[in-house]
Full PDB file with SEQRES, HELIX, SHEET, SSBOND, CRYST1, ORIGX, SCALE, CONECT and MASTER records, all heavy atoms in Angstrom:
SEQRES   1 A   43  VAL LEU GLN ARG ARG GLN GLN ALA SER ALA ASN GLU ALA          
SEQRES   2 A   43  ARG LEU ALA ALA ASP LEU ASP ALA LEU ARG ALA GLU HIS          
SEQRES   3 A   43  ALA ALA LEU LYS THR ALA SER GLU THR ALA THR THR ARG          
SEQRES   4 A   43  LEU ASP THR THR                                              
HELIX    1 AA1 LEU A    2  THR A   42  1                                  41    
CRYST1    1.000    1.000    1.000  90.00  90.00  90.00 P 1           1          
ORIGX1      1.000000  0.000000  0.000000        0.00000                         
ORIGX2      0.000000  1.000000  0.000000        0.00000                         
ORIGX3      0.000000  0.000000  1.000000        0.00000                         
SCALE1      1.000000  0.000000  0.000000        0.00000                         
SCALE2      0.000000  1.000000  0.000000        0.00000                         
SCALE3      0.000000  0.000000  1.000000        0.00000                         
ATOM      1  N   VAL A   1      36.262 -47.973 -21.697  1.00  0.00           N  
ATOM      2  CA  VAL A   1      36.062 -49.315 -21.130  1.00  0.00           C  
ATOM      3  C   VAL A   1      35.168 -49.227 -19.930  1.00  0.00           C  
ATOM      4  O   VAL A   1      34.280 -50.112 -19.752  1.00  0.00           O  
ATOM      5  CB  VAL A   1      37.462 -49.943 -20.718  1.00  0.00           C  
ATOM      6  CG1 VAL A   1      37.306 -51.158 -19.828  1.00  0.00           C  
ATOM      7  CG2 VAL A   1      38.300 -50.267 -21.927  1.00  0.00           C  
ATOM      8  N   LEU A   2      35.329 -48.221 -19.072  1.00  0.00           N  
ATOM      9  CA  LEU A   2      34.467 -48.110 -17.891  1.00  0.00           C  
ATOM     10  C   LEU A   2      32.991 -47.824 -18.281  1.00  0.00           C  
ATOM     11  O   LEU A   2      32.098 -48.361 -17.709  1.00  0.00           O  
ATOM     12  CB  LEU A   2      35.004 -46.901 -16.963  1.00  0.00           C  
ATOM     13  CG  LEU A   2      36.289 -47.167 -16.218  1.00  0.00           C  
ATOM     14  CD1 LEU A   2      36.718 -45.956 -15.494  1.00  0.00           C  
ATOM     15  CD2 LEU A   2      36.132 -48.409 -15.290  1.00  0.00           C  
ATOM     16  N   GLN A   3      32.827 -47.008 -19.321  1.00  0.00           N  
ATOM     17  CA  GLN A   3      31.458 -46.768 -19.813  1.00  0.00           C  
ATOM     18  C   GLN A   3      30.846 -47.990 -20.373  1.00  0.00           C  
ATOM     19  O   GLN A   3      29.651 -48.283 -20.080  1.00  0.00           O  
ATOM     20  CB  GLN A   3      31.493 -45.682 -20.885  1.00  0.00           C  
ATOM     21  CG  GLN A   3      31.809 -44.288 -20.311  1.00  0.00           C  
ATOM     22  CD  GLN A   3      31.917 -43.261 -21.427  1.00  0.00           C  
ATOM     23  OE1 GLN A   3      32.072 -43.576 -22.588  1.00  0.00           O  
ATOM     24  NE2 GLN A   3      31.938 -42.010 -21.022  1.00  0.00           N  
ATOM     25  N   ARG A   4      31.593 -48.811 -21.078  1.00  0.00           N  
ATOM     26  CA  ARG A   4      31.117 -50.037 -21.662  1.00  0.00           C  
ATOM     27  C   ARG A   4      30.678 -51.049 -20.545  1.00  0.00           C  
ATOM     28  O   ARG A   4      29.740 -51.789 -20.608  1.00  0.00           O  
ATOM     29  CB  ARG A   4      32.091 -50.703 -22.580  1.00  0.00           C  
ATOM     30  CG  ARG A   4      32.118 -49.988 -23.876  1.00  0.00           C  
ATOM     31  CD  ARG A   4      33.157 -50.662 -24.864  1.00  0.00           C  
ATOM     32  NE  ARG A   4      33.271 -49.850 -26.096  1.00  0.00           N  
ATOM     33  CZ  ARG A   4      34.241 -49.977 -26.924  1.00  0.00           C  
ATOM     34  NH1 ARG A   4      35.217 -50.874 -26.746  1.00  0.00           N  
ATOM     35  NH2 ARG A   4      34.284 -49.252 -28.077  1.00  0.00           N  
ATOM     36  N   ARG A   5      31.533 -51.078 -19.482  1.00  0.00           N  
ATOM     37  CA  ARG A   5      31.223 -51.930 -18.409  1.00  0.00           C  
ATOM     38  C   ARG A   5      29.918 -51.486 -17.643  1.00  0.00           C  
ATOM     39  O   ARG A   5      29.132 -52.348 -17.316  1.00  0.00           O  
ATOM     40  CB  ARG A   5      32.364 -51.983 -17.367  1.00  0.00           C  
ATOM     41  CG  ARG A   5      33.542 -52.841 -17.804  1.00  0.00           C  
ATOM     42  CD  ARG A   5      34.497 -52.983 -16.756  1.00  0.00           C  
ATOM     43  NE  ARG A   5      35.706 -53.716 -17.173  1.00  0.00           N  
ATOM     44  CZ  ARG A   5      36.809 -53.864 -16.500  1.00  0.00           C  
ATOM     45  NH1 ARG A   5      36.914 -53.283 -15.314  1.00  0.00           N  
ATOM     46  NH2 ARG A   5      37.763 -54.604 -16.954  1.00  0.00           N  
ATOM     47  N   GLN A   6      29.796 -50.199 -17.550  1.00  0.00           N  
ATOM     48  CA  GLN A   6      28.573 -49.735 -16.873  1.00  0.00           C  
ATOM     49  C   GLN A   6      27.300 -50.064 -17.727  1.00  0.00           C  
ATOM     50  O   GLN A   6      26.325 -50.453 -17.201  1.00  0.00           O  
ATOM     51  CB  GLN A   6      28.645 -48.219 -16.687  1.00  0.00           C  
ATOM     52  CG  GLN A   6      29.598 -47.785 -15.543  1.00  0.00           C  
ATOM     53  CD  GLN A   6      29.800 -46.285 -15.534  1.00  0.00           C  
ATOM     54  OE1 GLN A   6      29.468 -45.569 -16.354  1.00  0.00           O  
ATOM     55  NE2 GLN A   6      30.416 -45.861 -14.428  1.00  0.00           N  
ATOM     56  N   GLN A   7      27.450 -49.939 -19.057  1.00  0.00           N  
ATOM     57  CA  GLN A   7      26.361 -50.266 -19.937  1.00  0.00           C  
ATOM     58  C   GLN A   7      26.042 -51.779 -19.870  1.00  0.00           C  
ATOM     59  O   GLN A   7      24.929 -52.177 -19.798  1.00  0.00           O  
ATOM     60  CB  GLN A   7      26.634 -49.888 -21.317  1.00  0.00           C  
ATOM     61  CG  GLN A   7      26.638 -48.385 -21.625  1.00  0.00           C  
ATOM     62  CD  GLN A   7      27.165 -47.953 -22.956  1.00  0.00           C  
ATOM     63  OE1 GLN A   7      27.731 -48.792 -23.682  1.00  0.00           O  
ATOM     64  NE2 GLN A   7      26.993 -46.708 -23.317  1.00  0.00           N  
ATOM     65  N   ALA A   8      27.077 -52.586 -19.839  1.00  0.00           N  
ATOM     66  CA  ALA A   8      26.924 -54.031 -19.772  1.00  0.00           C  
ATOM     67  C   ALA A   8      26.266 -54.384 -18.451  1.00  0.00           C  
ATOM     68  O   ALA A   8      25.357 -55.282 -18.425  1.00  0.00           O  
ATOM     69  CB  ALA A   8      28.313 -54.759 -19.914  1.00  0.00           C  
ATOM     70  N   SER A   9      26.649 -53.730 -17.354  1.00  0.00           N  
ATOM     71  CA  SER A   9      25.981 -54.044 -16.098  1.00  0.00           C  
ATOM     72  C   SER A   9      24.555 -53.641 -16.105  1.00  0.00           C  
ATOM     73  O   SER A   9      23.713 -54.367 -15.587  1.00  0.00           O  
ATOM     74  CB  SER A   9      26.716 -53.234 -14.993  1.00  0.00           C  
ATOM     75  OG  SER A   9      26.157 -53.367 -13.778  1.00  0.00           O  
ATOM     76  N   ALA A  10      24.223 -52.467 -16.666  1.00  0.00           N  
ATOM     77  CA  ALA A  10      22.813 -52.072 -16.796  1.00  0.00           C  
ATOM     78  C   ALA A  10      22.049 -53.084 -17.664  1.00  0.00           C  
ATOM     79  O   ALA A  10      20.930 -53.435 -17.370  1.00  0.00           O  
ATOM     80  CB  ALA A  10      22.731 -50.634 -17.373  1.00  0.00           C  
ATOM     81  N   ASN A  11      22.667 -53.523 -18.772  1.00  0.00           N  
ATOM     82  CA  ASN A  11      21.954 -54.506 -19.670  1.00  0.00           C  
ATOM     83  C   ASN A  11      21.751 -55.819 -18.901  1.00  0.00           C  
ATOM     84  O   ASN A  11      20.685 -56.424 -19.020  1.00  0.00           O  
ATOM     85  CB  ASN A  11      22.819 -54.835 -20.884  1.00  0.00           C  
ATOM     86  CG  ASN A  11      22.788 -53.632 -21.844  1.00  0.00           C  
ATOM     87  OD1 ASN A  11      21.918 -52.802 -21.717  1.00  0.00           O  
ATOM     88  ND2 ASN A  11      23.756 -53.564 -22.720  1.00  0.00           N  
ATOM     89  N   GLU A  12      22.697 -56.239 -18.055  1.00  0.00           N  
ATOM     90  CA  GLU A  12      22.515 -57.474 -17.278  1.00  0.00           C  
ATOM     91  C   GLU A  12      21.451 -57.358 -16.244  1.00  0.00           C  
ATOM     92  O   GLU A  12      20.623 -58.238 -16.108  1.00  0.00           O  
ATOM     93  CB  GLU A  12      23.841 -57.797 -16.561  1.00  0.00           C  
ATOM     94  CG  GLU A  12      24.903 -58.379 -17.461  1.00  0.00           C  
ATOM     95  CD  GLU A  12      26.202 -58.658 -16.725  1.00  0.00           C  
ATOM     96  OE1 GLU A  12      26.156 -58.929 -15.490  1.00  0.00           O  
ATOM     97  OE2 GLU A  12      27.315 -58.725 -17.284  1.00  0.00           O  
ATOM     98  N   ALA A  13      21.349 -56.161 -15.622  1.00  0.00           N  
ATOM     99  CA  ALA A  13      20.275 -55.883 -14.659  1.00  0.00           C  
ATOM    100  C   ALA A  13      18.861 -55.928 -15.366  1.00  0.00           C  
ATOM    101  O   ALA A  13      17.919 -56.508 -14.866  1.00  0.00           O  
ATOM    102  CB  ALA A  13      20.500 -54.620 -13.981  1.00  0.00           C  
ATOM    103  N   ARG A  14      18.851 -55.313 -16.509  1.00  0.00           N  
ATOM    104  CA  ARG A  14      17.583 -55.313 -17.288  1.00  0.00           C  
ATOM    105  C   ARG A  14      17.213 -56.756 -17.741  1.00  0.00           C  
ATOM    106  O   ARG A  14      16.006 -57.094 -17.619  1.00  0.00           O  
ATOM    107  CB  ARG A  14      17.750 -54.361 -18.506  1.00  0.00           C  
ATOM    108  CG  ARG A  14      16.439 -54.011 -19.153  1.00  0.00           C  
ATOM    109  CD  ARG A  14      16.647 -52.949 -20.279  1.00  0.00           C  
ATOM    110  NE  ARG A  14      17.544 -51.957 -19.928  1.00  0.00           N  
ATOM    111  CZ  ARG A  14      18.660 -51.702 -20.636  1.00  0.00           C  
ATOM    112  NH1 ARG A  14      18.972 -52.393 -21.735  1.00  0.00           N  
ATOM    113  NH2 ARG A  14      19.538 -50.754 -20.306  1.00  0.00           N  
ATOM    114  N   LEU A  15      18.185 -57.503 -18.191  1.00  0.00           N  
ATOM    115  CA  LEU A  15      17.884 -58.865 -18.576  1.00  0.00           C  
ATOM    116  C   LEU A  15      17.389 -59.719 -17.418  1.00  0.00           C  
ATOM    117  O   LEU A  15      16.511 -60.537 -17.533  1.00  0.00           O  
ATOM    118  CB  LEU A  15      19.185 -59.483 -19.225  1.00  0.00           C  
ATOM    119  CG  LEU A  15      19.423 -58.994 -20.638  1.00  0.00           C  
ATOM    120  CD1 LEU A  15      20.759 -59.566 -21.108  1.00  0.00           C  
ATOM    121  CD2 LEU A  15      18.364 -59.320 -21.638  1.00  0.00           C  
ATOM    122  N   ALA A  16      18.077 -59.485 -16.214  1.00  0.00           N  
ATOM    123  CA  ALA A  16      17.634 -60.269 -15.081  1.00  0.00           C  
ATOM    124  C   ALA A  16      16.195 -59.931 -14.646  1.00  0.00           C  
ATOM    125  O   ALA A  16      15.450 -60.782 -14.289  1.00  0.00           O  
ATOM    126  CB  ALA A  16      18.609 -59.963 -13.908  1.00  0.00           C  
ATOM    127  N   ALA A  17      15.921 -58.670 -14.735  1.00  0.00           N  
ATOM    128  CA  ALA A  17      14.537 -58.270 -14.455  1.00  0.00           C  
ATOM    129  C   ALA A  17      13.482 -58.828 -15.487  1.00  0.00           C  
ATOM    130  O   ALA A  17      12.458 -59.340 -15.054  1.00  0.00           O  
ATOM    131  CB  ALA A  17      14.387 -56.720 -14.418  1.00  0.00           C  
ATOM    132  N   ASP A  18      13.857 -58.851 -16.706  1.00  0.00           N  
ATOM    133  CA  ASP A  18      13.015 -59.432 -17.733  1.00  0.00           C  
ATOM    134  C   ASP A  18      12.847 -60.943 -17.517  1.00  0.00           C  
ATOM    135  O   ASP A  18      11.735 -61.517 -17.610  1.00  0.00           O  
ATOM    136  CB  ASP A  18      13.567 -59.190 -19.161  1.00  0.00           C  
ATOM    137  CG  ASP A  18      13.454 -57.756 -19.590  1.00  0.00           C  
ATOM    138  OD1 ASP A  18      12.732 -56.999 -18.984  1.00  0.00           O  
ATOM    139  OD2 ASP A  18      14.125 -57.382 -20.584  1.00  0.00           O  
ATOM    140  N   LEU A  19      13.951 -61.601 -17.153  1.00  0.00           N  
ATOM    141  CA  LEU A  19      13.900 -63.008 -16.850  1.00  0.00           C  
ATOM    142  C   LEU A  19      12.985 -63.322 -15.587  1.00  0.00           C  
ATOM    143  O   LEU A  19      12.160 -64.234 -15.691  1.00  0.00           O  
ATOM    144  CB  LEU A  19      15.249 -63.604 -16.611  1.00  0.00           C  
ATOM    145  CG  LEU A  19      15.429 -65.096 -16.353  1.00  0.00           C  
ATOM    146  CD1 LEU A  19      14.849 -65.858 -17.546  1.00  0.00           C  
ATOM    147  CD2 LEU A  19      16.864 -65.447 -16.116  1.00  0.00           C  
ATOM    148  N   ASP A  20      13.067 -62.534 -14.611  1.00  0.00           N  
ATOM    149  CA  ASP A  20      12.226 -62.769 -13.438  1.00  0.00           C  
ATOM    150  C   ASP A  20      10.758 -62.511 -13.821  1.00  0.00           C  
ATOM    151  O   ASP A  20       9.939 -63.190 -13.341  1.00  0.00           O  
ATOM    152  CB  ASP A  20      12.650 -61.694 -12.344  1.00  0.00           C  
ATOM    153  CG  ASP A  20      13.891 -62.084 -11.645  1.00  0.00           C  
ATOM    154  OD1 ASP A  20      14.342 -63.213 -11.788  1.00  0.00           O  
ATOM    155  OD2 ASP A  20      14.496 -61.197 -10.988  1.00  0.00           O  
ATOM    156  N   ALA A  21      10.508 -61.492 -14.635  1.00  0.00           N  
ATOM    157  CA  ALA A  21       9.139 -61.268 -15.074  1.00  0.00           C  
ATOM    158  C   ALA A  21       8.586 -62.431 -15.905  1.00  0.00           C  
ATOM    159  O   ALA A  21       7.457 -62.907 -15.776  1.00  0.00           O  
ATOM    160  CB  ALA A  21       8.992 -59.986 -15.910  1.00  0.00           C  
ATOM    161  N   LEU A  22       9.440 -62.987 -16.809  1.00  0.00           N  
ATOM    162  CA  LEU A  22       8.975 -64.123 -17.602  1.00  0.00           C  
ATOM    163  C   LEU A  22       8.797 -65.344 -16.717  1.00  0.00           C  
ATOM    164  O   LEU A  22       7.894 -66.094 -17.005  1.00  0.00           O  
ATOM    165  CB  LEU A  22      10.062 -64.413 -18.704  1.00  0.00           C  
ATOM    166  CG  LEU A  22      10.025 -63.390 -19.792  1.00  0.00           C  
ATOM    167  CD1 LEU A  22      11.272 -63.636 -20.690  1.00  0.00           C  
ATOM    168  CD2 LEU A  22       8.775 -63.391 -20.625  1.00  0.00           C  
ATOM    169  N   ARG A  23       9.628 -65.466 -15.686  1.00  0.00           N  
ATOM    170  CA  ARG A  23       9.384 -66.780 -14.814  1.00  0.00           C  
ATOM    171  C   ARG A  23       8.105 -66.553 -14.068  1.00  0.00           C  
ATOM    172  O   ARG A  23       7.377 -67.589 -13.916  1.00  0.00           O  
ATOM    173  CB  ARG A  23      10.558 -66.730 -13.807  1.00  0.00           C  
ATOM    174  CG  ARG A  23      11.789 -67.337 -14.489  1.00  0.00           C  
ATOM    175  CD  ARG A  23      12.953 -67.460 -13.418  1.00  0.00           C  
ATOM    176  NE  ARG A  23      14.105 -68.120 -14.025  1.00  0.00           N  
ATOM    177  CZ  ARG A  23      15.335 -67.850 -13.723  1.00  0.00           C  
ATOM    178  NH1 ARG A  23      15.572 -66.991 -12.765  1.00  0.00           N  
ATOM    179  NH2 ARG A  23      16.348 -68.493 -14.255  1.00  0.00           N  
ATOM    180  N   ALA A  24       7.779 -65.305 -13.622  1.00  0.00           N  
ATOM    181  CA  ALA A  24       6.545 -65.067 -12.922  1.00  0.00           C  
ATOM    182  C   ALA A  24       5.335 -65.343 -13.855  1.00  0.00           C  
ATOM    183  O   ALA A  24       4.287 -65.999 -13.443  1.00  0.00           O  
ATOM    184  CB  ALA A  24       6.436 -63.738 -12.349  1.00  0.00           C  
ATOM    185  N   GLU A  25       5.463 -64.934 -15.104  1.00  0.00           N  
ATOM    186  CA  GLU A  25       4.350 -65.108 -16.100  1.00  0.00           C  
ATOM    187  C   GLU A  25       4.176 -66.584 -16.333  1.00  0.00           C  
ATOM    188  O   GLU A  25       3.119 -67.108 -16.444  1.00  0.00           O  
ATOM    189  CB  GLU A  25       4.696 -64.340 -17.363  1.00  0.00           C  
ATOM    190  CG  GLU A  25       3.629 -64.471 -18.417  1.00  0.00           C  
ATOM    191  CD  GLU A  25       3.939 -63.647 -19.687  1.00  0.00           C  
ATOM    192  OE1 GLU A  25       4.935 -62.975 -19.683  1.00  0.00           O  
ATOM    193  OE2 GLU A  25       3.161 -63.790 -20.635  1.00  0.00           O  
ATOM    194  N   HIS A  26       5.299 -67.323 -16.483  1.00  0.00           N  
ATOM    195  CA  HIS A  26       5.266 -68.769 -16.738  1.00  0.00           C  
ATOM    196  C   HIS A  26       4.592 -69.434 -15.592  1.00  0.00           C  
ATOM    197  O   HIS A  26       3.683 -70.340 -15.744  1.00  0.00           O  
ATOM    198  CB  HIS A  26       6.677 -69.329 -16.900  1.00  0.00           C  
ATOM    199  CG  HIS A  26       6.692 -70.807 -17.064  1.00  0.00           C  
ATOM    200  ND1 HIS A  26       6.945 -71.672 -16.013  1.00  0.00           N  
ATOM    201  CD2 HIS A  26       6.538 -71.596 -18.176  1.00  0.00           C  
ATOM    202  CE1 HIS A  26       6.897 -72.883 -16.525  1.00  0.00           C  
ATOM    203  NE2 HIS A  26       6.642 -72.824 -17.759  1.00  0.00           N  
ATOM    204  N   ALA A  27       4.866 -69.110 -14.345  1.00  0.00           N  
ATOM    205  CA  ALA A  27       4.279 -69.674 -13.134  1.00  0.00           C  
ATOM    206  C   ALA A  27       2.820 -69.430 -13.165  1.00  0.00           C  
ATOM    207  O   ALA A  27       1.940 -70.338 -12.878  1.00  0.00           O  
ATOM    208  CB  ALA A  27       4.933 -69.172 -11.839  1.00  0.00           C  
ATOM    209  N   ALA A  28       2.378 -68.184 -13.510  1.00  0.00           N  
ATOM    210  CA  ALA A  28       0.929 -67.861 -13.511  1.00  0.00           C  
ATOM    211  C   ALA A  28       0.262 -68.691 -14.640  1.00  0.00           C  
ATOM    212  O   ALA A  28      -0.859 -69.248 -14.435  1.00  0.00           O  
ATOM    213  CB  ALA A  28       0.717 -66.369 -13.797  1.00  0.00           C  
ATOM    214  N   LEU A  29       0.869 -68.836 -15.830  1.00  0.00           N  
ATOM    215  CA  LEU A  29       0.291 -69.552 -16.903  1.00  0.00           C  
ATOM    216  C   LEU A  29       0.188 -71.076 -16.585  1.00  0.00           C  
ATOM    217  O   LEU A  29      -0.840 -71.732 -16.841  1.00  0.00           O  
ATOM    218  CB  LEU A  29       1.053 -69.394 -18.186  1.00  0.00           C  
ATOM    219  CG  LEU A  29       0.894 -68.010 -18.843  1.00  0.00           C  
ATOM    220  CD1 LEU A  29       1.908 -67.868 -19.947  1.00  0.00           C  
ATOM    221  CD2 LEU A  29      -0.495 -67.770 -19.317  1.00  0.00           C  
ATOM    222  N   LYS A  30       1.237 -71.589 -15.839  1.00  0.00           N  
ATOM    223  CA  LYS A  30       1.222 -72.974 -15.511  1.00  0.00           C  
ATOM    224  C   LYS A  30       0.025 -73.202 -14.459  1.00  0.00           C  
ATOM    225  O   LYS A  30      -0.650 -74.222 -14.565  1.00  0.00           O  
ATOM    226  CB  LYS A  30       2.533 -73.259 -14.844  1.00  0.00           C  
ATOM    227  CG  LYS A  30       2.655 -74.748 -14.463  1.00  0.00           C  
ATOM    228  CD  LYS A  30       4.084 -75.058 -13.931  1.00  0.00           C  
ATOM    229  CE  LYS A  30       4.204 -76.549 -13.549  1.00  0.00           C  
ATOM    230  NZ  LYS A  30       5.533 -76.842 -12.998  1.00  0.00           N  
ATOM    231  N   THR A  31      -0.107 -72.315 -13.504  1.00  0.00           N  
ATOM    232  CA  THR A  31      -1.261 -72.391 -12.564  1.00  0.00           C  
ATOM    233  C   THR A  31      -2.573 -72.356 -13.274  1.00  0.00           C  
ATOM    234  O   THR A  31      -3.482 -73.183 -12.977  1.00  0.00           O  
ATOM    235  CB  THR A  31      -1.104 -71.327 -11.542  1.00  0.00           C  
ATOM    236  OG1 THR A  31       0.081 -71.445 -10.770  1.00  0.00           O  
ATOM    237  CG2 THR A  31      -2.333 -71.338 -10.453  1.00  0.00           C  
ATOM    238  N   ALA A  32      -2.769 -71.469 -14.187  1.00  0.00           N  
ATOM    239  CA  ALA A  32      -3.993 -71.323 -14.929  1.00  0.00           C  
ATOM    240  C   ALA A  32      -4.236 -72.614 -15.788  1.00  0.00           C  
ATOM    241  O   ALA A  32      -5.315 -73.105 -15.904  1.00  0.00           O  
ATOM    242  CB  ALA A  32      -3.884 -70.118 -15.805  1.00  0.00           C  
ATOM    243  N   SER A  33      -3.184 -73.150 -16.349  1.00  0.00           N  
ATOM    244  CA  SER A  33      -3.283 -74.363 -17.147  1.00  0.00           C  
ATOM    245  C   SER A  33      -3.682 -75.564 -16.271  1.00  0.00           C  
ATOM    246  O   SER A  33      -4.562 -76.345 -16.697  1.00  0.00           O  
ATOM    247  CB  SER A  33      -1.945 -74.688 -17.884  1.00  0.00           C  
ATOM    248  OG  SER A  33      -2.033 -75.890 -18.545  1.00  0.00           O  
ATOM    249  N   GLU A  34      -3.082 -75.641 -15.088  1.00  0.00           N  
ATOM    250  CA  GLU A  34      -3.455 -76.793 -14.220  1.00  0.00           C  
ATOM    251  C   GLU A  34      -4.917 -76.619 -13.731  1.00  0.00           C  
ATOM    252  O   GLU A  34      -5.629 -77.609 -13.632  1.00  0.00           O  
ATOM    253  CB  GLU A  34      -2.498 -76.761 -12.980  1.00  0.00           C  
ATOM    254  CG  GLU A  34      -1.072 -77.177 -13.369  1.00  0.00           C  
ATOM    255  CD  GLU A  34      -0.039 -76.928 -12.241  1.00  0.00           C  
ATOM    256  OE1 GLU A  34      -0.412 -76.368 -11.235  1.00  0.00           O  
ATOM    257  OE2 GLU A  34       1.035 -77.417 -12.449  1.00  0.00           O  
ATOM    258  N   THR A  35      -5.345 -75.426 -13.472  1.00  0.00           N  
ATOM    259  CA  THR A  35      -6.720 -75.168 -12.986  1.00  0.00           C  
ATOM    260  C   THR A  35      -7.677 -75.532 -14.128  1.00  0.00           C  
ATOM    261  O   THR A  35      -8.690 -76.232 -13.870  1.00  0.00           O  
ATOM    262  CB  THR A  35      -6.942 -73.717 -12.636  1.00  0.00           C  
ATOM    263  OG1 THR A  35      -6.019 -73.403 -11.551  1.00  0.00           O  
ATOM    264  CG2 THR A  35      -8.365 -73.434 -12.183  1.00  0.00           C  
ATOM    265  N   ALA A  36      -7.341 -75.092 -15.387  1.00  0.00           N  
ATOM    266  CA  ALA A  36      -8.226 -75.456 -16.424  1.00  0.00           C  
ATOM    267  C   ALA A  36      -8.273 -76.970 -16.731  1.00  0.00           C  
ATOM    268  O   ALA A  36      -9.370 -77.503 -16.964  1.00  0.00           O  
ATOM    269  CB  ALA A  36      -7.699 -74.745 -17.758  1.00  0.00           C  
ATOM    270  N   THR A  37      -7.196 -77.624 -16.601  1.00  0.00           N  
ATOM    271  CA  THR A  37      -7.132 -79.115 -16.781  1.00  0.00           C  
ATOM    272  C   THR A  37      -8.033 -79.700 -15.705  1.00  0.00           C  
ATOM    273  O   THR A  37      -8.768 -80.665 -16.073  1.00  0.00           O  
ATOM    274  CB  THR A  37      -5.662 -79.591 -16.639  1.00  0.00           C  
ATOM    275  OG1 THR A  37      -4.929 -78.974 -17.691  1.00  0.00           O  
ATOM    276  CG2 THR A  37      -5.625 -81.052 -16.749  1.00  0.00           C  
ATOM    277  N   THR A  38      -7.921 -79.369 -14.497  1.00  0.00           N  
ATOM    278  CA  THR A  38      -8.712 -79.927 -13.455  1.00  0.00           C  
ATOM    279  C   THR A  38     -10.202 -79.729 -13.658  1.00  0.00           C  
ATOM    280  O   THR A  38     -11.085 -80.661 -13.526  1.00  0.00           O  
ATOM    281  CB  THR A  38      -8.264 -79.352 -12.085  1.00  0.00           C  
ATOM    282  OG1 THR A  38      -6.913 -79.649 -11.806  1.00  0.00           O  
ATOM    283  CG2 THR A  38      -9.146 -79.940 -10.933  1.00  0.00           C  
ATOM    284  N   ARG A  39     -10.542 -78.499 -14.083  1.00  0.00           N  
ATOM    285  CA  ARG A  39     -12.002 -78.190 -14.362  1.00  0.00           C  
ATOM    286  C   ARG A  39     -12.480 -79.050 -15.528  1.00  0.00           C  
ATOM    287  O   ARG A  39     -13.544 -79.518 -15.422  1.00  0.00           O  
ATOM    288  CB  ARG A  39     -12.132 -76.740 -14.595  1.00  0.00           C  
ATOM    289  CG  ARG A  39     -11.890 -75.912 -13.329  1.00  0.00           C  
ATOM    290  CD  ARG A  39     -12.088 -74.387 -13.532  1.00  0.00           C  
ATOM    291  NE  ARG A  39     -13.464 -74.068 -13.771  1.00  0.00           N  
ATOM    292  CZ  ARG A  39     -13.939 -73.002 -14.208  1.00  0.00           C  
ATOM    293  NH1 ARG A  39     -13.092 -71.925 -14.364  1.00  0.00           N  
ATOM    294  NH2 ARG A  39     -15.187 -72.758 -14.412  1.00  0.00           N  
ATOM    295  N   LEU A  40     -11.651 -79.114 -16.538  1.00  0.00           N  
ATOM    296  CA  LEU A  40     -12.032 -79.928 -17.738  1.00  0.00           C  
ATOM    297  C   LEU A  40     -12.247 -81.409 -17.347  1.00  0.00           C  
ATOM    298  O   LEU A  40     -13.179 -82.033 -17.786  1.00  0.00           O  
ATOM    299  CB  LEU A  40     -11.094 -79.776 -18.877  1.00  0.00           C  
ATOM    300  CG  LEU A  40     -11.112 -78.497 -19.642  1.00  0.00           C  
ATOM    301  CD1 LEU A  40      -9.966 -78.405 -20.586  1.00  0.00           C  
ATOM    302  CD2 LEU A  40     -12.426 -78.363 -20.419  1.00  0.00           C  
ATOM    303  N   ASP A  41     -11.333 -81.910 -16.526  1.00  0.00           N  
ATOM    304  CA  ASP A  41     -11.409 -83.344 -16.197  1.00  0.00           C  
ATOM    305  C   ASP A  41     -12.694 -83.528 -15.314  1.00  0.00           C  
ATOM    306  O   ASP A  41     -13.365 -84.535 -15.496  1.00  0.00           O  
ATOM    307  CB  ASP A  41     -10.211 -83.740 -15.325  1.00  0.00           C  
ATOM    308  CG  ASP A  41      -8.970 -83.906 -16.164  1.00  0.00           C  
ATOM    309  OD1 ASP A  41      -9.082 -83.992 -17.407  1.00  0.00           O  
ATOM    310  OD2 ASP A  41      -7.808 -83.903 -15.603  1.00  0.00           O  
ATOM    311  N   THR A  42     -13.009 -82.601 -14.420  1.00  0.00           N  
ATOM    312  CA  THR A  42     -14.214 -82.670 -13.605  1.00  0.00           C  
ATOM    313  C   THR A  42     -15.481 -82.630 -14.488  1.00  0.00           C  
ATOM    314  O   THR A  42     -16.362 -83.482 -14.294  1.00  0.00           O  
ATOM    315  CB  THR A  42     -14.201 -81.562 -12.591  1.00  0.00           C  
ATOM    316  OG1 THR A  42     -13.070 -81.640 -11.738  1.00  0.00           O  
ATOM    317  CG2 THR A  42     -15.508 -81.639 -11.718  1.00  0.00           C  
ATOM    318  N   THR A  43     -15.455 -81.796 -15.463  1.00  0.00           N  
ATOM    319  CA  THR A  43     -16.604 -81.658 -16.404  1.00  0.00           C  
ATOM    320  C   THR A  43     -16.773 -82.888 -17.197  1.00  0.00           C  
ATOM    321  O   THR A  43     -17.839 -83.376 -17.366  1.00  0.00           O  
ATOM    322  CB  THR A  43     -16.420 -80.411 -17.257  1.00  0.00           C  
ATOM    323  OG1 THR A  43     -16.281 -79.238 -16.460  1.00  0.00           O  
ATOM    324  CG2 THR A  43     -17.653 -80.254 -18.221  1.00  0.00           C  
TER     325      THR A  43                                                      
MASTER        0    0    0    1    0    0    0    6  324    1    0    4          
END                                                                             
């Protein structure tokens, strides 16, 4: 049981890190999309 809990905790930490990375990627893509939209509107 203790080993399973440790593995679950490690999995949770890994998932949290992956989620943070995906959020950062989403924010970057959103910024790029907004920039492209502005440039297209200007053009």
